[in-house]
Amino acid sequence: MNIPRKNPTGAGAILAVTILGGTIVGGLIGQPSAGLLAGTALGIIIAVLLWLRER
């Protein structure tokens, strides 16, 4: 018997948006590199949480 699988949720767009958003917010406060790193970290955390939920 074949068990139907759910369609997996992709996190690429979320990761891209958090990176860009972090860079923009960081640029507004004068620290674009820190914003880039913070956005990347937030995006990775969200992507891992989505991955764990799908498991």
PDB file of N, CA and C in Angstrom:
ATOM      1  N   MET A   1       0.812  -1.179   0.000  1.00  0.00           N
ATOM      2  CA  MET A   1       0.000   0.000   0.000  1.00  0.00           C
ATOM      3  C   MET A   1       0.863   1.253   0.000  1.00  0.00           C
ATOM      4  N   ASN A   2       0.462   2.201  -0.770  1.00  0.00           N
ATOM      5  CA  ASN A   2       1.156   3.484  -0.790  1.00  0.00           C
ATOM      6  C   ASN A   2       0.459   4.451   0.152  1.00  0.00           C
ATOM      7  N   ILE A   3       1.235   5.029   1.043  1.00  0.00           N
ATOM      8  CA  ILE A   3       0.706   6.019   1.965  1.00  0.00           C
ATOM      9  C   ILE A   3       0.952   7.392   1.349  1.00  0.00           C
ATOM     10  N   PRO A   4      -0.102   8.175   1.141  1.00  0.00           N
ATOM     11  CA  PRO A   4       0.113   9.509   0.548  1.00  0.00           C
ATOM     12  C   PRO A   4       0.906  10.402   1.487  1.00  0.00           C
ATOM     13  N   ARG A   5       1.871  11.104   0.919  1.00  0.00           N
ATOM     14  CA  ARG A   5       2.708  12.011   1.703  1.00  0.00           C
ATOM     15  C   ARG A   5       2.210  13.432   1.560  1.00  0.00           C
ATOM     16  N   LYS A   6       2.409  14.205   2.632  1.00  0.00           N
ATOM     17  CA  LYS A   6       2.080  15.623   2.568  1.00  0.00           C
ATOM     18  C   LYS A   6       3.125  16.334   1.725  1.00  0.00           C
ATOM     19  N   ASN A   7       2.744  17.440   1.134  1.00  0.00           N
ATOM     20  CA  ASN A   7       3.710  18.256   0.413  1.00  0.00           C
ATOM     21  C   ASN A   7       4.602  18.962   1.424  1.00  0.00           C
ATOM     22  N   PRO A   8       5.921  18.861   1.271  1.00  0.00           N
ATOM     23  CA  PRO A   8       6.813  19.506   2.237  1.00  0.00           C
ATOM     24  C   PRO A   8       6.765  21.032   2.117  1.00  0.00           C
ATOM     25  N   THR A   9       7.008  21.678   3.227  1.00  0.00           N
ATOM     26  CA  THR A   9       7.048  23.136   3.265  1.00  0.00           C
ATOM     27  C   THR A   9       8.468  23.596   3.001  1.00  0.00           C
ATOM     28  N   GLY A  10       8.646  24.486   2.047  1.00  0.00           N
ATOM     29  CA  GLY A  10       9.968  25.030   1.754  1.00  0.00           C
ATOM     30  C   GLY A  10      10.248  26.251   2.609  1.00  0.00           C
ATOM     31  N   ALA A  11      11.502  26.448   2.943  1.00  0.00           N
ATOM     32  CA  ALA A  11      11.865  27.585   3.785  1.00  0.00           C
ATOM     33  C   ALA A  11      12.803  28.546   3.076  1.00  0.00           C
ATOM     34  N   GLY A  12      13.015  28.361   1.792  1.00  0.00           N
ATOM     35  CA  GLY A  12      13.943  29.216   1.060  1.00  0.00           C
ATOM     36  C   GLY A  12      13.501  30.663   1.007  1.00  0.00           C
ATOM     37  N   ALA A  13      12.221  30.886   0.763  1.00  0.00           N
ATOM     38  CA  ALA A  13      11.714  32.261   0.697  1.00  0.00           C
ATOM     39  C   ALA A  13      11.784  32.929   2.059  1.00  0.00           C
ATOM     40  N   ILE A  14      11.460  32.179   3.104  1.00  0.00           N
ATOM     41  CA  ILE A  14      11.529  32.733   4.460  1.00  0.00           C
ATOM     42  C   ILE A  14      12.969  33.112   4.789  1.00  0.00           C
ATOM     43  N   LEU A  15      13.894  32.256   4.425  1.00  0.00           N
ATOM     44  CA  LEU A  15      15.308  32.538   4.670  1.00  0.00           C
ATOM     45  C   LEU A  15      15.756  33.793   3.920  1.00  0.00           C
ATOM     46  N   ALA A  16      15.364  33.917   2.666  1.00  0.00           N
ATOM     47  CA  ALA A  16      15.746  35.085   1.870  1.00  0.00           C
ATOM     48  C   ALA A  16      15.153  36.373   2.441  1.00  0.00           C
ATOM     49  N   VAL A  17      13.893  36.318   2.854  1.00  0.00           N
ATOM     50  CA  VAL A  17      13.235  37.513   3.398  1.00  0.00           C
ATOM     51  C   VAL A  17      13.874  37.938   4.709  1.00  0.00           C
ATOM     52  N   THR A  18      14.206  36.983   5.570  1.00  0.00           N
ATOM     53  CA  THR A  18      14.819  37.352   6.846  1.00  0.00           C
ATOM     54  C   THR A  18      16.217  37.930   6.644  1.00  0.00           C
ATOM     55  N   ILE A  19      16.963  37.416   5.675  1.00  0.00           N
ATOM     56  CA  ILE A  19      18.293  37.960   5.393  1.00  0.00           C
ATOM     57  C   ILE A  19      18.178  39.397   4.879  1.00  0.00           C
ATOM     58  N   LEU A  20      17.286  39.615   3.915  1.00  0.00           N
ATOM     59  CA  LEU A  20      17.111  40.967   3.381  1.00  0.00           C
ATOM     60  C   LEU A  20      16.548  41.918   4.436  1.00  0.00           C
ATOM     61  N   GLY A  21      15.584  41.452   5.199  1.00  0.00           N
ATOM     62  CA  GLY A  21      15.007  42.285   6.243  1.00  0.00           C
ATOM     63  C   GLY A  21      16.029  42.655   7.308  1.00  0.00           C
ATOM     64  N   GLY A  22      16.851  41.692   7.697  1.00  0.00           N
ATOM     65  CA  GLY A  22      17.890  41.978   8.682  1.00  0.00           C
ATOM     66  C   GLY A  22      18.898  42.986   8.171  1.00  0.00           C
ATOM     67  N   THR A  23      19.247  42.887   6.896  1.00  0.00           N
ATOM     68  CA  THR A  23      20.194  43.831   6.310  1.00  0.00           C
ATOM     69  C   THR A  23      19.598  45.242   6.248  1.00  0.00           C
ATOM     70  N   ILE A  24      18.332  45.328   5.886  1.00  0.00           N
ATOM     71  CA  ILE A  24      17.679  46.639   5.811  1.00  0.00           C
ATOM     72  C   ILE A  24      17.574  47.264   7.198  1.00  0.00           C
ATOM     73  N   VAL A  25      17.103  46.485   8.164  1.00  0.00           N
ATOM     74  CA  VAL A  25      16.973  47.013   9.526  1.00  0.00           C
ATOM     75  C   VAL A  25      18.343  47.377  10.084  1.00  0.00           C
ATOM     76  N   GLY A  26      19.334  46.529   9.837  1.00  0.00           N
ATOM     77  CA  GLY A  26      20.686  46.836  10.292  1.00  0.00           C
ATOM     78  C   GLY A  26      21.229  48.097   9.641  1.00  0.00           C
ATOM     79  N   GLY A  27      20.910  48.302   8.370  1.00  0.00           N
ATOM     80  CA  GLY A  27      21.347  49.514   7.680  1.00  0.00           C
ATOM     81  C   GLY A  27      20.715  50.762   8.249  1.00  0.00           C
ATOM     82  N   LEU A  28      19.471  50.650   8.673  1.00  0.00           N
ATOM     83  CA  LEU A  28      18.785  51.804   9.255  1.00  0.00           C
ATOM     84  C   LEU A  28      19.402  52.214  10.588  1.00  0.00           C
ATOM     85  N   ILE A  29      19.963  51.239  11.310  1.00  0.00           N
ATOM     86  CA  ILE A  29      20.583  51.581  12.593  1.00  0.00           C
ATOM     87  C   ILE A  29      22.105  51.703  12.481  1.00  0.00           C
ATOM     88  N   GLY A  30      22.616  51.618  11.249  1.00  0.00           N
ATOM     89  CA  GLY A  30      24.039  51.834  11.024  1.00  0.00           C
ATOM     90  C   GLY A  30      24.907  50.603  11.137  1.00  0.00           C
ATOM     91  N   GLN A  31      24.314  49.431  11.201  1.00  0.00           N
ATOM     92  CA  GLN A  31      25.076  48.183  11.325  1.00  0.00           C
ATOM     93  C   GLN A  31      24.549  47.138  10.334  1.00  0.00           C
ATOM     94  N   PRO A  32      24.775  47.317   9.031  1.00  0.00           N
ATOM     95  CA  PRO A  32      24.209  46.370   8.068  1.00  0.00           C
ATOM     96  C   PRO A  32      24.792  44.962   8.184  1.00  0.00           C
ATOM     97  N   SER A  33      26.065  44.856   8.562  1.00  0.00           N
ATOM     98  CA  SER A  33      26.663  43.523   8.688  1.00  0.00           C
ATOM     99  C   SER A  33      26.039  42.758   9.851  1.00  0.00           C
ATOM    100  N   ALA A  34      25.826  43.448  10.954  1.00  0.00           N
ATOM    101  CA  ALA A  34      25.187  42.804  12.109  1.00  0.00           C
ATOM    102  C   ALA A  34      23.751  42.414  11.766  1.00  0.00           C
ATOM    103  N   GLY A  35      23.063  43.274  11.015  1.00  0.00           N
ATOM    104  CA  GLY A  35      21.702  42.953  10.588  1.00  0.00           C
ATOM    105  C   GLY A  35      21.668  41.752   9.673  1.00  0.00           C
ATOM    106  N   LEU A  36      22.653  41.663   8.781  1.00  0.00           N
ATOM    107  CA  LEU A  36      22.745  40.510   7.887  1.00  0.00           C
ATOM    108  C   LEU A  36      22.917  39.227   8.682  1.00  0.00           C
ATOM    109  N   LEU A  37      23.813  39.253   9.649  1.00  0.00           N
ATOM    110  CA  LEU A  37      24.055  38.061  10.468  1.00  0.00           C
ATOM    111  C   LEU A  37      22.836  37.707  11.312  1.00  0.00           C
ATOM    112  N   ALA A  38      22.178  38.718  11.882  1.00  0.00           N
ATOM    113  CA  ALA A  38      20.988  38.459  12.696  1.00  0.00           C
ATOM    114  C   ALA A  38      19.854  37.910  11.832  1.00  0.00           C
ATOM    115  N   GLY A  39      19.674  38.465  10.638  1.00  0.00           N
ATOM    116  CA  GLY A  39      18.646  37.963   9.727  1.00  0.00           C
ATOM    117  C   GLY A  39      18.920  36.541   9.285  1.00  0.00           C
ATOM    118  N   THR A  40      20.179  36.242   9.021  1.00  0.00           N
ATOM    119  CA  THR A  40      20.544  34.883   8.635  1.00  0.00           C
ATOM    120  C   THR A  40      20.283  33.910   9.774  1.00  0.00           C
ATOM    121  N   ALA A  41      20.656  34.294  10.987  1.00  0.00           N
ATOM    122  CA  ALA A  41      20.429  33.430  12.148  1.00  0.00           C
ATOM    123  C   ALA A  41      18.940  33.189  12.357  1.00  0.00           C
ATOM    124  N   LEU A  42      18.140  34.233  12.268  1.00  0.00           N
ATOM    125  CA  LEU A  42      16.695  34.085  12.433  1.00  0.00           C
ATOM    126  C   LEU A  42      16.111  33.183  11.344  1.00  0.00           C
ATOM    127  N   GLY A  43      16.548  33.375  10.108  1.00  0.00           N
ATOM    128  CA  GLY A  43      16.067  32.538   9.010  1.00  0.00           C
ATOM    129  C   GLY A  43      16.433  31.082   9.191  1.00  0.00           C
ATOM    130  N   ILE A  44      17.642  30.818   9.664  1.00  0.00           N
ATOM    131  CA  ILE A  44      18.060  29.435   9.894  1.00  0.00           C
ATOM    132  C   ILE A  44      17.237  28.804  11.007  1.00  0.00           C
ATOM    133  N   ILE A  45      16.973  29.569  12.063  1.00  0.00           N
ATOM    134  CA  ILE A  45      16.158  29.047  13.161  1.00  0.00           C
ATOM    135  C   ILE A  45      14.753  28.699  12.668  1.00  0.00           C
ATOM    136  N   ILE A  46      14.158  29.580  11.883  1.00  0.00           N
ATOM    137  CA  ILE A  46      12.819  29.310  11.354  1.00  0.00           C
ATOM    138  C   ILE A  46      12.839  28.099  10.426  1.00  0.00           C
ATOM    139  N   ALA A  47      13.869  27.992   9.573  1.00  0.00           N
ATOM    140  CA  ALA A  47      13.970  26.860   8.652  1.00  0.00           C
ATOM    141  C   ALA A  47      14.119  25.544   9.404  1.00  0.00           C
ATOM    142  N   VAL A  48      14.917  25.545  10.454  1.00  0.00           N
ATOM    143  CA  VAL A  48      15.095  24.319  11.248  1.00  0.00           C
ATOM    144  C   VAL A  48      13.794  23.955  11.958  1.00  0.00           C
ATOM    145  N   LEU A  49      13.090  24.955  12.489  1.00  0.00           N
ATOM    146  CA  LEU A  49      11.808  24.672  13.147  1.00  0.00           C
ATOM    147  C   LEU A  49      10.790  24.099  12.161  1.00  0.00           C
ATOM    148  N   LEU A  50      10.746  24.622  10.947  1.00  0.00           N
ATOM    149  CA  LEU A  50       9.863  24.069   9.925  1.00  0.00           C
ATOM    150  C   LEU A  50      10.258  22.634   9.576  1.00  0.00           C
ATOM    151  N   TRP A  51      11.551  22.392   9.469  1.00  0.00           N
ATOM    152  CA  TRP A  51      12.035  21.056   9.157  1.00  0.00           C
ATOM    153  C   TRP A  51      11.657  20.062  10.262  1.00  0.00           C
ATOM    154  N   LEU A  52      11.822  20.492  11.512  1.00  0.00           N
ATOM    155  CA  LEU A  52      11.463  19.619  12.622  1.00  0.00           C
ATOM    156  C   LEU A  52       9.956  19.347  12.665  1.00  0.00           C
ATOM    157  N   ARG A  53       9.165  20.341  12.334  1.00  0.00           N
ATOM    158  CA  ARG A  53       7.714  20.140  12.305  1.00  0.00           C
ATOM    159  C   ARG A  53       7.308  19.142  11.221  1.00  0.00           C
ATOM    160  N   GLU A  54       8.013  19.166  10.095  1.00  0.00           N
ATOM    161  CA  GLU A  54       7.695  18.264   8.986  1.00  0.00           C
ATOM    162  C   GLU A  54       8.131  16.824   9.251  1.00  0.00           C
ATOM    163  N   ARG A  55       9.111  16.647  10.124  1.00  0.00           N
ATOM    164  CA  ARG A  55       9.589  15.297  10.415  1.00  0.00           C
ATOM    165  C   ARG A  55       8.536  14.560  11.110  1.00  0.00           C
TER     166      ARG A  55
END
